[in-house]
Protein backbone atom coordinates (compact mmCIF):
# COMPACT_ATOMS: atom_id res chain seq x y z
CA MET A 1 47.24 -16.61 30.38
CA LEU A 2 44.26 -17.77 32.43
CA LEU A 3 45.49 -21.35 32.30
CA ARG A 4 48.91 -20.27 33.48
CA LEU A 5 47.40 -18.28 36.34
CA ALA A 6 45.35 -21.29 37.35
CA TYR A 7 48.46 -23.48 37.20
CA LEU A 8 50.44 -21.04 39.35
CA GLY A 9 47.62 -20.84 41.86
CA VAL A 10 47.36 -24.62 42.19
CA THR A 11 51.14 -25.09 42.51
CA ASN A 12 51.39 -22.37 45.14
CA ALA A 13 48.48 -23.90 47.04
CA PHE A 14 50.29 -27.24 47.16
CA ALA A 15 53.46 -25.42 48.19
CA VAL A 16 51.64 -23.99 51.22
CA LEU A 17 50.54 -27.41 52.47
CA PRO A 18 53.98 -28.38 53.91
CA LEU A 19 53.92 -25.16 55.95
CA LEU A 20 50.84 -26.15 57.93
CA PRO A 21 52.58 -28.43 60.46
CA MET A 22 55.49 -25.99 60.85
CA SER A 23 55.80 -23.81 63.97
CA ASP A 24 55.95 -20.04 63.80
CA GLN A 25 59.66 -20.14 64.68
CA ASP A 26 60.39 -22.48 61.75
CA LYS A 27 58.35 -20.28 59.40
CA ASP A 28 60.23 -17.17 60.51
CA ALA A 29 63.52 -18.94 59.90
CA GLU A 30 62.46 -19.98 56.41
CA ILE A 31 61.27 -16.45 55.62
CA LEU A 32 64.61 -15.03 56.74
CA ALA A 33 66.41 -17.57 54.58
CA LEU A 34 64.29 -16.65 51.55
CA ARG A 35 64.89 -12.95 52.11
CA HIS A 36 68.62 -13.57 52.37
CA GLN A 37 68.59 -15.49 49.08
CA ILE A 38 66.74 -12.62 47.45
CA ALA A 39 69.35 -10.18 48.76
CA VAL A 40 72.13 -12.36 47.32
CA LEU A 41 70.27 -12.52 43.99
CA GLU A 42 69.94 -8.75 43.92
CA ARG A 43 73.69 -8.33 44.51
CA GLN A 44 74.45 -10.74 41.66
CA LEU A 45 72.12 -8.98 39.25
CA GLY A 46 73.68 -5.63 39.89
CA LYS A 47 72.08 -2.97 37.69
CA ARG A 48 70.28 -5.42 35.45
CA LYS A 49 66.50 -5.25 35.68
CA VAL A 50 64.53 -8.39 36.52
CA GLN A 51 62.08 -9.33 33.79
CA PHE A 52 58.59 -10.49 34.87
CA SER A 53 56.17 -12.21 32.54
CA THR A 54 52.55 -11.07 32.29
CA SER A 55 51.31 -14.00 34.36
CA ASP A 56 53.95 -13.32 37.06
CA ARG A 57 52.85 -9.70 37.32
CA ALA A 58 49.17 -10.65 37.49
CA PHE A 59 49.82 -13.30 40.15
CA LEU A 60 51.86 -10.97 42.39
CA ALA A 61 49.32 -8.16 41.98
CA ALA A 62 46.38 -10.44 42.86
CA LEU A 63 48.30 -11.95 45.82
CA LEU A 64 49.67 -8.82 47.47
CA HIS A 65 47.23 -5.99 46.68
CA ARG A 66 45.15 -6.62 49.83
CA LEU A 67 48.08 -6.10 52.17
CA PRO A 68 48.26 -2.71 53.91
CA LEU A 69 50.85 -0.43 52.41
CA PRO A 70 53.10 -0.44 55.53
CA ALA A 71 53.07 -4.26 55.59
CA LEU A 72 53.66 -4.38 51.86
CA ARG A 73 56.70 -2.12 52.25
CA ARG A 74 58.18 -4.53 54.80
CA VAL A 75 57.99 -7.45 52.37
CA ARG A 76 61.25 -7.91 50.50
CA LEU A 77 60.34 -7.74 46.82
CA LEU A 78 62.24 -7.34 43.59
CA VAL A 79 59.90 -4.47 42.67
CA CYS A 80 58.57 -1.47 44.57
CA PRO A 81 55.28 -1.91 46.48
CA ASP A 82 53.80 0.95 44.45
CA THR A 83 54.58 -1.02 41.29
CA VAL A 84 52.60 -4.00 42.63
CA LEU A 85 49.58 -1.77 43.36
CA ARG A 86 49.85 -0.10 39.94
CA ARG A 87 49.90 -3.48 38.22
CA HIS A 88 46.77 -4.49 40.13
CA ARG A 89 44.99 -1.31 39.03
CA ASP A 90 45.99 -2.00 35.43
CA LEU A 91 44.73 -5.58 35.76
CA VAL A 92 41.32 -4.40 37.03
CA ALA A 93 41.13 -1.71 34.32
CA ARG A 94 41.85 -4.23 31.55
CA HIS A 95 39.20 -6.56 32.98
CA HIS A 96 36.51 -3.86 32.96
CA ALA A 97 37.59 -2.68 29.49
CA ALA A 98 37.19 -6.22 28.15
CA LEU A 99 33.69 -6.47 29.64
CA SER A 100 32.57 -3.11 28.24
CA ARG A 101 34.04 -3.64 24.78
CA PRO A 102 31.22 -3.99 22.18
CA LYS A 103 30.88 -7.46 20.73
CA ARG A 104 30.38 -6.03 17.23
CA PRO A 105 32.72 -3.12 16.47
CA GLY A 106 31.73 -0.23 14.25
CA ARG A 107 28.43 1.49 13.52
CA PRO A 108 25.38 -0.78 13.34
CA ARG A 109 24.09 -1.57 9.86
CA THR A 110 21.18 0.44 8.54
CA VAL A 111 17.79 -1.25 8.80
CA ARG A 112 16.95 -3.17 5.61
CA SER A 113 13.56 -1.46 5.23
CA ILE A 114 15.23 1.98 5.19
CA ARG A 115 17.71 0.84 2.55
CA ILE A 116 14.87 -0.47 0.37
CA LEU A 117 12.94 2.82 0.76
CA VAL A 118 15.99 4.95 -0.12
CA LEU A 119 16.74 2.89 -3.24
CA ARG A 120 13.09 2.97 -4.31
CA LEU A 121 12.92 6.77 -4.01
CA ALA A 122 16.20 7.08 -5.89
CA ARG A 123 15.01 4.89 -8.78
CA GLU A 124 11.63 6.62 -9.04
CA ASN A 125 13.28 10.04 -8.90
CA PRO A 126 16.59 9.73 -10.76
CA GLN A 127 17.29 13.47 -10.55
CA TRP A 128 17.08 13.60 -6.76
CA GLY A 129 20.36 13.78 -4.88
CA TYR A 130 21.04 12.36 -1.45
CA ARG A 131 20.15 15.69 0.19
CA ARG A 132 16.69 15.74 -1.40
CA LEU A 133 16.18 12.08 -0.53
CA HIS A 134 17.21 12.79 3.05
CA GLY A 135 14.61 15.57 3.24
CA GLU A 136 11.87 13.32 1.86
CA LEU A 137 12.73 10.66 4.44
CA LEU A 138 12.40 13.21 7.24
CA VAL A 139 8.97 14.19 5.88
CA LEU A 140 7.98 10.51 6.03
CA GLY A 141 9.16 10.31 9.65
CA VAL A 142 12.30 8.27 8.91
CA LYS A 143 15.18 9.70 10.95
CA VAL A 144 18.47 8.88 9.26
CA ALA A 145 21.64 10.88 8.63
CA ALA A 146 22.33 12.38 5.22
CA SER A 147 25.69 10.59 5.18
CA THR A 148 23.87 7.29 5.61
CA VAL A 149 21.70 8.03 2.56
CA TRP A 150 24.86 8.90 0.61
CA LYS A 151 26.49 5.59 1.59
CA ILE A 152 23.39 3.54 0.67
CA LEU A 153 23.33 5.09 -2.80
CA LYS A 154 27.08 4.68 -3.24
CA ASP A 155 26.98 0.99 -2.25
CA ALA A 156 24.14 0.41 -4.74
CA GLY A 157 26.09 2.02 -7.59
CA ILE A 158 23.80 5.08 -7.76
CA ASP A 159 25.27 8.55 -8.06
CA PRO A 160 24.47 10.32 -4.75
CA ALA A 161 24.54 13.75 -6.43
CA PRO A 162 23.26 13.48 -10.04
CA ASP A 163 23.20 16.36 -12.51
CA ARG A 164 19.83 18.12 -12.20
CA SER A 165 20.19 20.43 -15.19
CA SER A 166 18.43 17.97 -17.52
CA SER A 167 15.34 17.56 -15.33
CA THR A 168 12.12 18.46 -17.13
CA TRP A 169 8.47 18.61 -16.23
CA ALA A 170 7.78 15.64 -18.51
CA ASP A 171 10.38 13.57 -16.66
CA PHE A 172 8.76 14.46 -13.36
CA LEU A 173 5.31 13.50 -14.61
CA ARG A 174 6.57 10.17 -15.94
CA SER A 175 8.27 9.32 -12.66
CA GLN A 176 5.24 10.33 -10.56
CA ALA A 177 2.45 9.26 -12.90
CA ASP A 178 1.20 6.46 -10.64
CA ALA A 179 0.63 8.90 -7.77
CA LEU A 180 -0.68 11.97 -9.63
CA LEU A 181 -4.32 12.92 -9.98
CA ALA A 182 -5.75 15.97 -11.74
CA CYS A 183 -9.17 17.32 -10.80
CA ASP A 184 -11.43 20.04 -12.10
CA PHE A 185 -15.06 21.13 -12.41
CA PHE A 186 -17.01 21.32 -15.61
CA GLU A 187 -20.50 22.68 -15.78
CA THR A 188 -23.58 21.72 -17.71
CA VAL A 189 -27.16 22.99 -18.00
CA THR A 190 -30.11 20.66 -17.51
CA LEU A 191 -33.30 20.70 -19.55
CA SER A 192 -34.97 22.76 -16.84
CA GLY A 193 -32.28 25.42 -17.10
CA ALA A 194 -30.50 24.59 -13.82
CA ARG A 195 -26.69 24.89 -13.84
CA ILE A 196 -24.91 21.80 -12.48
CA TYR A 197 -21.19 21.55 -11.55
CA ILE A 198 -19.53 18.15 -11.96
CA LEU A 199 -16.28 17.27 -10.12
CA VAL A 200 -14.00 15.09 -12.26
CA VAL A 201 -10.63 13.45 -11.47
CA ILE A 202 -8.25 11.91 -14.04
CA GLU A 203 -5.46 9.46 -13.23
CA HIS A 204 -2.26 10.36 -15.08
CA SER A 205 -0.95 6.81 -15.32
CA SER A 206 -4.07 5.10 -16.70
CA ARG A 207 -5.98 8.13 -18.13
CA ARG A 208 -9.02 6.85 -16.25
CA ILE A 209 -11.63 9.47 -15.44
CA ARG A 210 -13.56 9.36 -12.16
CA ILE A 211 -16.75 11.40 -11.74
CA LEU A 212 -16.90 12.20 -8.02
CA GLY A 213 -20.30 13.86 -8.02
CA ALA A 214 -22.51 16.69 -9.27
CA THR A 215 -24.05 19.58 -7.36
CA ALA A 216 -25.63 22.93 -8.03
CA HIS A 217 -23.73 24.54 -5.13
CA PRO A 218 -20.12 23.26 -4.84
CA THR A 219 -19.05 24.22 -1.31
CA THR A 220 -15.79 23.48 0.52
CA ALA A 221 -17.45 20.85 2.68
CA TRP A 222 -18.90 19.10 -0.38
CA VAL A 223 -15.50 18.99 -2.17
CA THR A 224 -13.78 17.73 0.98
CA GLN A 225 -16.27 14.89 1.35
CA ALA A 226 -15.88 13.97 -2.33
CA ALA A 227 -12.09 13.78 -1.86
CA LYS A 228 -12.53 11.52 1.19
CA ASN A 229 -14.80 9.25 -0.83
CA LEU A 230 -12.15 9.07 -3.57
CA ALA A 231 -9.43 8.14 -1.05
CA THR A 232 -11.62 5.38 0.38
CA THR A 233 -12.38 4.04 -3.10
CA THR A 234 -8.74 3.97 -4.26
CA SER A 235 -7.51 2.24 -1.09
CA ALA A 236 -10.19 -0.48 -1.27
CA ALA A 237 -10.85 -3.02 -4.02
CA PRO A 238 -11.87 -1.70 -7.46
CA SER A 239 -15.49 -0.60 -7.49
CA THR A 240 -18.04 -2.20 -9.78
CA ASN A 241 -20.14 0.95 -10.00
CA THR A 242 -19.78 1.84 -13.67
CA ASN A 243 -21.89 4.95 -13.25
CA MET A 244 -19.05 6.59 -11.30
CA GLN A 245 -16.17 5.47 -13.53
CA HIS A 246 -15.74 5.86 -17.25
CA ASP A 247 -12.76 4.09 -18.78
CA LEU A 248 -11.77 6.23 -21.74
CA ARG A 249 -8.72 4.16 -22.66
CA GLY A 250 -8.91 2.82 -26.07
C-alpha cells in the first residue's frame, strides 16, 4: 500500500506541473469542466455506490483533511466531506496502533533462573505442590505468580499437585538431609570435679560430628557465637583442625 501511495503521489505531482503556466481563468474553466464530468458520472451511476480502494481512501484523506470544513463542503466529491475526515482519523489511529503494538505478543517468558529454582525445589521435595512451592519462592524473595509455578511444573512433566497422603518423616529427612543439622549438649565431669557442657552438631547426610566447644557456663551469647563459627566454617573450605571434627563414618 505504501508503494501505491508513493506512486499516486508522484503521478499527481507530475499532473500538477502542466497547471503552473495556466492562468486562473483557465484553471477555473478546467475545474468547472471536471465538476460537470463528475455530475454526469453521478447521474449515470444512479443508486450504485462508488467503490474506493484502500489507497484511494488514504490518498484523498491525506490530501483534503487540511481544508477547512466550509471549503471542503464546496468541493464536489463522490463522498461526503465528513467521510473524508473520518477516513483520515481512522488512518491516524491505525498508524498509532501499529507503532504501539508490541513486537513480541503474549506474556514474556519466565526468567531461566526462576525456572531452574522451581524445578530444583520440586525434585528435592516431591510431595510439595505448586502452592507450597509458590510460598517457598516468596520466602526466598522471588516474586512470581502461582499460575506461573503451575505452568513450569506442567511443562516439565511434573504433577503440580501431587498426592501428599504418602508423605512421611523419613521421606522429608531423606530429601532435606544435605541441609539438616542436629545439635545438643552433653556433659562430662573432669578429674577436678568440675562439670563441663560440650556443644555437638551432627550432619544428617554424612553423619559427621562437629564439636563446637566446651564451657562450664553455656549462656545464650556463647551458643550464638558457636553457631556463627559453625556457619563460617561450613561456608569456607574444609578445616584441617582435627581436634574440632571427628569423622565417625566407618
